[in-house]
Amino acid sequence: MATRHKSALKANRQTIVRTAHNRELRSKLRTGLKSIRAAIDSGDSAAAKAALSQTFSLIDKMSKKKIIHDNAAGRYKSRIAKKLARKTTA
């Protein structure tokens, strides 16, 4: 049985909008992570270093907006930096 209270209907509409917005942001984050991983794997360290600051900025924005947890953001940044350092020294 569906509720008919105005507040419940509005809350449902807001949830739908927020969910769609958060899904877009998560998708943008995943795309950014894939692109920097591809740049690191390709061996082009200049392009990878250029993409690093953009990706870190994107991760920080998603963490700030609570799209991802703060610890998840730190983990992503740490793993990317470690992978880039490994590739540049090797």
Protein backbone atom coordinates (compact mmCIF):
# COMPACT_ATOMS: atom_id res chain seq x y z
CA MET A 1 0.00 0.00 0.00
CA ALA A 2 1.57 3.25 -1.13
CA THR A 3 1.57 6.26 1.16
CA ARG A 4 -0.23 9.36 0.03
CA HIS A 5 1.25 11.93 2.38
CA LYS A 6 2.61 14.94 0.56
CA SER A 7 5.84 14.82 2.52
CA ALA A 8 6.39 11.15 1.62
CA LEU A 9 5.74 11.82 -2.06
CA LYS A 10 8.16 14.74 -2.06
CA ALA A 11 10.80 12.72 -0.21
CA ASN A 12 10.46 10.00 -2.83
CA ARG A 13 10.90 12.51 -5.67
CA GLN A 14 13.98 13.95 -3.97
CA THR A 15 15.45 10.48 -3.47
CA ILE A 16 15.02 9.68 -7.17
CA VAL A 17 16.75 12.90 -8.20
CA ARG A 18 19.60 12.47 -5.71
CA THR A 19 20.13 8.85 -6.70
CA ALA A 20 20.41 9.77 -10.38
CA HIS A 21 22.83 12.61 -9.60
CA ASN A 22 25.01 10.40 -7.39
CA ARG A 23 25.04 7.69 -10.07
CA GLU A 24 26.35 10.22 -12.61
CA LEU A 25 29.07 11.36 -10.23
CA ARG A 26 30.13 7.78 -9.43
CA SER A 27 30.28 7.05 -13.15
CA LYS A 28 32.49 10.11 -13.71
CA LEU A 29 34.78 8.92 -10.92
CA ARG A 30 35.07 5.41 -12.35
CA THR A 31 35.82 6.82 -15.80
CA GLY A 32 38.56 9.01 -14.34
CA LEU A 33 40.09 6.09 -12.48
CA LYS A 34 40.04 3.93 -15.62
CA SER A 35 41.68 6.67 -17.69
CA ILE A 36 44.59 7.22 -15.28
CA ARG A 37 45.11 3.47 -14.91
CA ALA A 38 45.23 3.19 -18.71
CA ALA A 39 47.71 6.08 -18.89
CA ILE A 40 49.94 4.43 -16.28
CA ASP A 41 49.75 1.03 -18.01
CA SER A 42 50.56 2.56 -21.40
CA GLY A 43 53.93 3.66 -20.07
CA ASP A 44 53.46 7.37 -20.91
CA SER A 45 54.61 8.82 -17.60
CA ALA A 46 54.15 12.45 -18.71
CA ALA A 47 50.49 11.90 -19.54
CA ALA A 48 49.99 9.90 -16.36
CA LYS A 49 51.50 12.62 -14.19
CA ALA A 50 49.32 15.21 -15.91
CA ALA A 51 46.21 13.11 -15.29
CA LEU A 52 47.24 12.46 -11.69
CA SER A 53 46.26 15.89 -10.33
CA GLN A 54 42.96 15.84 -12.21
CA THR A 55 42.13 12.40 -10.86
CA PHE A 56 43.11 13.32 -7.30
CA SER A 57 40.93 16.41 -7.55
CA LEU A 58 38.02 14.30 -8.78
CA ILE A 59 38.50 11.78 -5.97
CA ASP A 60 38.61 14.56 -3.37
CA LYS A 61 35.41 16.11 -4.75
CA MET A 62 33.58 12.79 -4.59
CA SER A 63 34.78 12.27 -1.02
CA LYS A 64 33.71 15.78 -0.03
CA LYS A 65 30.23 15.19 -1.45
CA LYS A 66 30.02 11.85 0.40
CA ILE A 67 29.67 9.91 -2.86
CA ILE A 68 32.53 7.73 -1.62
CA HIS A 69 33.87 7.26 1.89
CA ASP A 70 36.92 9.26 2.98
CA ASN A 71 38.92 6.09 3.53
CA ALA A 72 37.99 4.82 0.06
CA ALA A 73 39.24 8.11 -1.40
CA GLY A 74 42.54 7.75 0.43
CA ARG A 75 42.84 4.16 -0.71
CA TYR A 76 42.25 5.10 -4.37
CA LYS A 77 44.81 7.91 -4.21
CA SER A 78 47.37 5.74 -2.46
CA ARG A 79 47.08 2.88 -4.91
CA ILE A 80 47.26 5.17 -7.95
CA ALA A 81 50.33 6.99 -6.58
CA LYS A 82 52.01 3.69 -5.72
CA LYS A 83 51.29 2.26 -9.17
CA LEU A 84 52.61 5.39 -10.88
CA ALA A 85 55.77 5.37 -8.76
CA ARG A 86 56.35 1.71 -9.57
CA LYS A 87 55.98 2.31 -13.31
CA THR A 88 58.20 5.41 -13.41
CA THR A 89 61.06 3.79 -11.48
CA ALA A 90 60.91 0.55 -13.43
